[in-house]
Amino acid sequence: MKSHSVVHSFDFAKQLKDLVDVYYRDADVIRLVVDNLNIHTPSVLYEVFSPQEARRIIQKLEFHYTPKHASSLNQVEIELSVLSRQCLERRIPNAETLTSEIAA
């Protein structure tokens, strides 16, 4: 069985390849805004693909990292965590109830 990190590394590398080859194949450059998770680096491509394939993919990618502390992504994660704990731990029957719960 593969470790959790290896699975995420493979998934991330596959997503990067899909961005380059499928979704934005005509783009000159693809700018990625990623957090500082240890697998969110170009090196993950070398762990999954041949060196030639990794270089080919990396040439179209431009990585931009969020600040390690107090990033907007961290703030969003915190807000979603609070929302989950306070009102999304149960089934919400309809959109109106969901809207009301989120507003509260």
N, C-alpha and C. Protein backbone atom coordinates (compact mmCIF):
# COMPACT_ATOMS: atom_id res chain seq x y z
N MET A 1 0.83 -1.19 0.00
CA MET A 1 0.00 0.00 0.00
C MET A 1 0.88 1.26 0.00
N LYS A 2 0.54 2.23 -0.83
CA LYS A 2 1.31 3.46 -0.92
C LYS A 2 1.01 4.36 0.26
N SER A 3 2.04 5.13 0.65
CA SER A 3 1.82 6.07 1.74
C SER A 3 0.94 7.22 1.26
N HIS A 4 0.33 7.88 2.21
CA HIS A 4 -0.57 9.00 1.93
C HIS A 4 0.14 10.07 1.10
N SER A 5 1.39 10.39 1.46
CA SER A 5 2.15 11.42 0.78
C SER A 5 2.46 11.03 -0.66
N VAL A 6 2.78 9.77 -0.89
CA VAL A 6 3.09 9.31 -2.25
C VAL A 6 1.86 9.41 -3.14
N VAL A 7 0.71 9.05 -2.61
CA VAL A 7 -0.53 9.15 -3.38
C VAL A 7 -0.80 10.61 -3.74
N HIS A 8 -0.64 11.52 -2.78
CA HIS A 8 -0.87 12.94 -3.06
C HIS A 8 0.14 13.47 -4.06
N SER A 9 1.40 13.04 -3.96
CA SER A 9 2.42 13.46 -4.91
C SER A 9 2.04 13.03 -6.31
N PHE A 10 1.63 11.78 -6.46
CA PHE A 10 1.22 11.28 -7.77
C PHE A 10 0.03 12.07 -8.30
N ASP A 11 -0.97 12.29 -7.45
CA ASP A 11 -2.16 13.04 -7.87
C ASP A 11 -1.81 14.47 -8.30
N PHE A 12 -0.94 15.12 -7.54
CA PHE A 12 -0.55 16.49 -7.86
C PHE A 12 0.21 16.53 -9.18
N ALA A 13 1.15 15.60 -9.35
CA ALA A 13 1.92 15.54 -10.60
C ALA A 13 1.00 15.28 -11.79
N LYS A 14 0.05 14.39 -11.62
CA LYS A 14 -0.90 14.07 -12.71
C LYS A 14 -1.74 15.31 -13.04
N GLN A 15 -2.17 16.04 -12.04
CA GLN A 15 -2.94 17.26 -12.28
C GLN A 15 -2.12 18.30 -13.03
N LEU A 16 -0.85 18.44 -12.67
CA LEU A 16 0.01 19.39 -13.38
C LEU A 16 0.15 18.98 -14.84
N LYS A 17 0.34 17.70 -15.09
CA LYS A 17 0.45 17.21 -16.47
C LYS A 17 -0.85 17.48 -17.23
N ASP A 18 -1.99 17.25 -16.59
CA ASP A 18 -3.28 17.52 -17.24
C ASP A 18 -3.46 19.01 -17.53
N LEU A 19 -3.00 19.87 -16.62
CA LEU A 19 -3.09 21.31 -16.88
C LEU A 19 -2.33 21.67 -18.16
N VAL A 20 -1.13 21.11 -18.31
CA VAL A 20 -0.28 21.41 -19.45
C VAL A 20 -0.79 20.74 -20.73
N ASP A 21 -1.19 19.48 -20.64
CA ASP A 21 -1.52 18.71 -21.85
C ASP A 21 -2.98 18.72 -22.25
N VAL A 22 -3.87 18.97 -21.30
CA VAL A 22 -5.30 18.86 -21.60
C VAL A 22 -6.00 20.21 -21.50
N TYR A 23 -5.95 20.81 -20.33
CA TYR A 23 -6.77 21.99 -20.07
C TYR A 23 -6.22 23.29 -20.66
N TYR A 24 -4.90 23.45 -20.65
CA TYR A 24 -4.30 24.71 -21.13
C TYR A 24 -3.16 24.43 -22.10
N ARG A 25 -3.36 23.49 -22.99
CA ARG A 25 -2.27 23.07 -23.89
C ARG A 25 -1.80 24.19 -24.81
N ASP A 26 -2.64 25.19 -25.08
CA ASP A 26 -2.25 26.30 -25.96
C ASP A 26 -1.64 27.48 -25.20
N ALA A 27 -1.60 27.40 -23.89
CA ALA A 27 -1.06 28.51 -23.09
C ALA A 27 0.46 28.54 -23.18
N ASP A 28 1.01 29.75 -23.18
CA ASP A 28 2.47 29.89 -23.15
C ASP A 28 3.01 29.59 -21.76
N VAL A 29 2.28 30.03 -20.76
CA VAL A 29 2.67 29.80 -19.38
C VAL A 29 1.42 29.60 -18.54
N ILE A 30 1.52 28.73 -17.55
CA ILE A 30 0.42 28.48 -16.62
C ILE A 30 0.92 28.90 -15.24
N ARG A 31 0.31 29.91 -14.67
CA ARG A 31 0.71 30.40 -13.35
C ARG A 31 -0.12 29.68 -12.29
N LEU A 32 0.59 29.07 -11.37
CA LEU A 32 -0.06 28.32 -10.30
C LEU A 32 0.15 29.04 -8.98
N VAL A 33 -0.92 29.21 -8.23
CA VAL A 33 -0.81 29.74 -6.88
C VAL A 33 -1.06 28.56 -5.96
N VAL A 34 -0.01 28.18 -5.24
CA VAL A 34 -0.09 26.99 -4.39
C VAL A 34 0.37 27.33 -2.98
N ASP A 35 -0.08 26.52 -2.03
CA ASP A 35 0.39 26.70 -0.67
C ASP A 35 1.76 26.05 -0.52
N ASN A 36 2.30 26.08 0.65
CA ASN A 36 3.66 25.60 0.88
C ASN A 36 3.73 24.14 1.29
N LEU A 37 2.74 23.37 0.94
CA LEU A 37 2.77 21.93 1.22
C LEU A 37 3.98 21.34 0.53
N ASN A 38 4.65 20.40 1.18
CA ASN A 38 5.92 19.90 0.65
C ASN A 38 5.80 19.23 -0.72
N ILE A 39 4.62 18.81 -1.13
CA ILE A 39 4.49 18.19 -2.46
C ILE A 39 4.17 19.21 -3.54
N HIS A 40 3.89 20.43 -3.19
CA HIS A 40 3.51 21.43 -4.18
C HIS A 40 4.74 22.12 -4.76
N THR A 41 5.63 21.33 -5.31
CA THR A 41 6.86 21.84 -5.89
C THR A 41 7.09 21.17 -7.24
N PRO A 42 7.89 21.79 -8.10
CA PRO A 42 8.19 21.16 -9.39
C PRO A 42 8.88 19.80 -9.24
N SER A 43 9.60 19.60 -8.15
CA SER A 43 10.34 18.35 -7.97
C SER A 43 9.44 17.12 -7.94
N VAL A 44 8.19 17.30 -7.59
CA VAL A 44 7.26 16.16 -7.55
C VAL A 44 7.12 15.54 -8.94
N LEU A 45 7.28 16.35 -9.97
CA LEU A 45 7.18 15.81 -11.33
C LEU A 45 8.30 14.82 -11.62
N TYR A 46 9.49 15.08 -11.06
CA TYR A 46 10.62 14.17 -11.25
C TYR A 46 10.43 12.86 -10.48
N GLU A 47 9.62 12.89 -9.44
CA GLU A 47 9.34 11.68 -8.67
C GLU A 47 8.37 10.77 -9.42
N VAL A 48 7.56 11.36 -10.29
CA VAL A 48 6.49 10.59 -10.94
C VAL A 48 6.80 10.28 -12.41
N PHE A 49 7.43 11.23 -13.10
CA PHE A 49 7.67 11.08 -14.54
C PHE A 49 9.17 10.99 -14.83
N SER A 50 9.49 10.62 -16.05
CA SER A 50 10.89 10.60 -16.48
C SER A 50 11.44 12.03 -16.43
N PRO A 51 12.75 12.19 -16.33
CA PRO A 51 13.32 13.55 -16.30
C PRO A 51 12.93 14.39 -17.52
N GLN A 52 12.89 13.79 -18.68
CA GLN A 52 12.52 14.54 -19.89
C GLN A 52 11.06 15.02 -19.82
N GLU A 53 10.19 14.14 -19.37
CA GLU A 53 8.77 14.50 -19.26
C GLU A 53 8.58 15.56 -18.18
N ALA A 54 9.25 15.42 -17.06
CA ALA A 54 9.15 16.40 -15.98
C ALA A 54 9.60 17.78 -16.47
N ARG A 55 10.74 17.84 -17.17
CA ARG A 55 11.23 19.13 -17.70
C ARG A 55 10.24 19.73 -18.69
N ARG A 56 9.66 18.90 -19.54
CA ARG A 56 8.70 19.39 -20.53
C ARG A 56 7.51 20.06 -19.84
N ILE A 57 7.01 19.43 -18.80
CA ILE A 57 5.85 19.97 -18.07
C ILE A 57 6.25 21.25 -17.33
N ILE A 58 7.38 21.21 -16.65
CA ILE A 58 7.83 22.36 -15.84
C ILE A 58 8.03 23.60 -16.69
N GLN A 59 8.47 23.44 -17.93
CA GLN A 59 8.73 24.59 -18.80
C GLN A 59 7.50 25.47 -19.00
N LYS A 60 6.30 24.91 -18.83
CA LYS A 60 5.08 25.69 -19.03
C LYS A 60 4.49 26.21 -17.73
N LEU A 61 5.09 25.84 -16.59
CA LEU A 61 4.53 26.19 -15.29
C LEU A 61 5.33 27.28 -14.60
N GLU A 62 4.60 28.15 -13.92
CA GLU A 62 5.23 29.18 -13.09
C GLU A 62 4.58 29.09 -11.71
N PHE A 63 5.38 28.72 -10.71
CA PHE A 63 4.87 28.51 -9.36
C PHE A 63 4.92 29.81 -8.56
N HIS A 64 3.84 30.11 -7.87
CA HIS A 64 3.76 31.24 -6.94
C HIS A 64 3.22 30.67 -5.63
N TYR A 65 3.96 30.91 -4.55
CA TYR A 65 3.59 30.32 -3.26
C TYR A 65 2.94 31.36 -2.35
N THR A 66 1.92 30.92 -1.64
CA THR A 66 1.27 31.79 -0.67
C THR A 66 2.21 31.97 0.53
N PRO A 67 2.07 33.06 1.25
CA PRO A 67 2.90 33.24 2.45
C PRO A 67 2.67 32.09 3.43
N LYS A 68 3.71 31.73 4.16
CA LYS A 68 3.58 30.61 5.10
C LYS A 68 2.65 30.92 6.26
N HIS A 69 2.59 32.19 6.66
CA HIS A 69 1.75 32.56 7.80
C HIS A 69 0.72 33.59 7.36
N ALA A 70 -0.49 33.41 7.82
CA ALA A 70 -1.58 34.36 7.59
C ALA A 70 -1.92 34.55 6.12
N SER A 71 -1.77 33.49 5.34
CA SER A 71 -2.15 33.61 3.93
C SER A 71 -3.66 33.65 3.80
N SER A 72 -4.12 34.16 2.70
CA SER A 72 -5.57 34.20 2.47
C SER A 72 -6.14 32.79 2.39
N LEU A 73 -5.35 31.84 1.87
CA LEU A 73 -5.83 30.46 1.84
C LEU A 73 -6.01 29.91 3.24
N ASN A 74 -5.09 30.24 4.15
CA ASN A 74 -5.25 29.81 5.54
C ASN A 74 -6.51 30.39 6.14
N GLN A 75 -6.78 31.65 5.85
CA GLN A 75 -7.97 32.29 6.38
C GLN A 75 -9.23 31.62 5.83
N VAL A 76 -9.23 31.27 4.57
CA VAL A 76 -10.37 30.57 3.97
C VAL A 76 -10.53 29.20 4.62
N GLU A 77 -9.42 28.48 4.81
CA GLU A 77 -9.49 27.18 5.45
C GLU A 77 -10.06 27.28 6.86
N ILE A 78 -9.65 28.28 7.59
CA ILE A 78 -10.17 28.49 8.95
C ILE A 78 -11.67 28.75 8.90
N GLU A 79 -12.09 29.63 7.99
CA GLU A 79 -13.52 29.96 7.87
C GLU A 79 -14.34 28.73 7.51
N LEU A 80 -13.85 27.94 6.56
CA LEU A 80 -14.57 26.73 6.18
C LEU A 80 -14.62 25.72 7.32
N SER A 81 -13.57 25.64 8.10
CA SER A 81 -13.55 24.75 9.25
C SER A 81 -14.60 25.16 10.27
N VAL A 82 -14.70 26.45 10.56
CA VAL A 82 -15.71 26.95 11.49
C VAL A 82 -17.10 26.67 10.94
N LEU A 83 -17.29 26.95 9.68
CA LEU A 83 -18.59 26.71 9.04
C LEU A 83 -18.97 25.24 9.13
N SER A 84 -18.02 24.37 8.89
CA SER A 84 -18.29 22.93 8.96
C SER A 84 -18.69 22.51 10.36
N ARG A 85 -17.95 22.98 11.35
CA ARG A 85 -18.24 22.59 12.73
C ARG A 85 -19.56 23.16 13.21
N GLN A 86 -19.89 24.38 12.82
CA GLN A 86 -21.07 25.03 13.37
C GLN A 86 -22.37 24.68 12.67
N CYS A 87 -22.31 24.40 11.37
CA CYS A 87 -23.62 24.15 10.72
C CYS A 87 -23.63 23.09 9.64
N LEU A 88 -22.49 22.61 9.22
CA LEU A 88 -22.52 21.64 8.12
C LEU A 88 -22.28 20.21 8.55
N GLU A 89 -22.34 19.96 9.87
CA GLU A 89 -22.15 18.59 10.35
C GLU A 89 -23.42 17.76 10.20
N ARG A 90 -24.43 18.36 9.66
CA ARG A 90 -25.71 17.65 9.49
C ARG A 90 -26.21 17.89 8.07
N ARG A 91 -27.18 17.14 7.70
CA ARG A 91 -27.76 17.28 6.36
C ARG A 91 -28.57 18.57 6.30
N ILE A 92 -28.33 19.37 5.27
CA ILE A 92 -29.08 20.60 5.05
C ILE A 92 -30.13 20.29 3.99
N PRO A 93 -31.41 20.48 4.30
CA PRO A 93 -32.48 19.98 3.42
C PRO A 93 -32.64 20.75 2.10
N ASN A 94 -32.25 22.04 2.08
CA ASN A 94 -32.46 22.81 0.85
C ASN A 94 -31.54 24.03 0.82
N ALA A 95 -31.51 24.67 -0.33
CA ALA A 95 -30.61 25.82 -0.53
C ALA A 95 -30.97 26.99 0.39
N GLU A 96 -32.24 27.19 0.65
CA GLU A 96 -32.64 28.31 1.50
C GLU A 96 -32.12 28.13 2.92
N THR A 97 -32.21 26.92 3.45
CA THR A 97 -31.71 26.65 4.79
C THR A 97 -30.19 26.82 4.82
N LEU A 98 -29.52 26.35 3.80
CA LEU A 98 -28.08 26.50 3.72
C LEU A 98 -27.68 27.96 3.72
N THR A 99 -28.36 28.76 2.91
CA THR A 99 -28.08 30.20 2.84
C THR A 99 -28.28 30.85 4.21
N SER A 100 -29.35 30.48 4.89
CA SER A 100 -29.65 31.03 6.21
C SER A 100 -28.58 30.61 7.22
N GLU A 101 -28.17 29.35 7.19
CA GLU A 101 -27.14 28.86 8.12
C GLU A 101 -25.82 29.57 7.89
N ILE A 102 -25.43 29.75 6.64
CA ILE A 102 -24.16 30.43 6.33
C ILE A 102 -24.21 31.88 6.78
N ALA A 103 -25.33 32.54 6.56
CA ALA A 103 -25.48 33.94 6.97
C ALA A 103 -25.37 34.09 8.48
N ALA A 104 -25.90 33.11 9.20
CA ALA A 104 -25.87 33.17 10.67
C ALA A 104 -24.46 33.01 11.15
